[in-house]
Amino acid sequence: MKVRGERECRECGARWSYYETGSVECPDCGGLRSVGVDDRTAHTDAPATLDLSAHRARFGDARGTLPEEGVEDLKADLREYARKRGFIRGGELLPLDDTYLAARELLEAVDLYDRLRDPSDRDREYLLALLAGADGGDRPATETVPDTLREARGLAAVRAVDEYRTDLLAFLDEFDEAEVVDEAEVVDEADHAEGGDGSAADAPASTVSVAGEDPRSRIGPARAILERLRDRTKRVEALTGDVPPVDADALVHAADALGEYVRTGDEAALDLARVRLPDDRGQE
C-alpha cells in the first residue's frame, strides 16, 4: 500500500504521522477529514504492540494441556499482532525482526502443544520459554527445540519468510518502476503531485529509501535469491514444517540477509543469503 505519512486535519489543523498511529483520525480533535501533506510512500507496517503478560500470568504454572479459553485468547492476540505487521515502514525496508518471529512460533507451538496426547516436561518448558520471551523478541535456542514441537519452528519460518518475501518483492518493484535520485538514497516514482484530499487518485507519487550506491544493480541478484527462497519454503511447507530446526532457521537468516543487501547494497549480506540457500537444482 502507498500512503501519505504526514497528515493534516482539515478541522483543527493538527498534524500527525500515519506511520506512528496507523489511523487517519485526528489525535487532537477526533476529526476524520484530513489531507496528506507529503509524498505518497510505500508502507505495509501498522503500529502493533505485543504484550503477553496476562497470558504469562494465566499459563505460568500450566501442567499437561492448556486451558481452552486461555489458548483461544492467546492465539487471537498473536494473530492480531501478526496481521498488523508488515516490513515496509514509510518507504524503508525493515529487518525480519525477532518479535514477529517469536510471535509466529508461539502461535504454531501453542496449537501443536494443545494437540499432544501426553506433553512432556520438556515440551511444556519450551512452550513456556517461548511465552516468556516472545513479546521481547526472545526465542529459545535452536538446539533446545523438542522433536515434538519442531514443526512449529518450521511452520513459523515458512509463514514469516513468505510475508517478508512478499514485501521484499514489492520493495524491489519500486526500484524497477522508479527514477533514482539523490545518489540512490531516495527512489522517487514521480514528481511531487499535491492532491486535494490525499487519495490515491490525487497523488500518484511514491518513494522508497535505501542506502548505498546504484540500488538498481541489486534487483537481479535479489530476485534470483528470492526464487531459491520461495522453492525452499515450499519444500518446508510441504513437510508441514517437520524439518530440523537449523534448516528452518536458515530460511529466516537468508531472508533477513537478503533484506540487508537490498537496504544497503552490502555484498557480504548477499553472500550470506547465498550460503544459507545453496543452489542445489543441479543435484536434483
Foldseek 3Di string as FASTA:
>chain_A
DWFQQWKAAPPPGDIDGCLAAVACQDPPPRDNFIARDFATADAQAHDDADDLVVLCVQCVPDDQAHDPVSLVVLLVSLVVRLNRGAQAGRQEGHFLALLNLLSQLLNLLNVLSNPDPGDDPLSSVQSSQSSVCNSVSDHDDLVSQDLSSQLSLQVSLLVSLVRLLVVVVVSLVLVVQFDADDQNQKTKNDDAFGADRRDCVRHVIYMHGAADHDLNVLSVLLVVLSVLLVVLSVVCVVVSSNDRSVLSVLSSLLSRLSSVCSRHVDVVSSVSNCVSRPDCPVVD
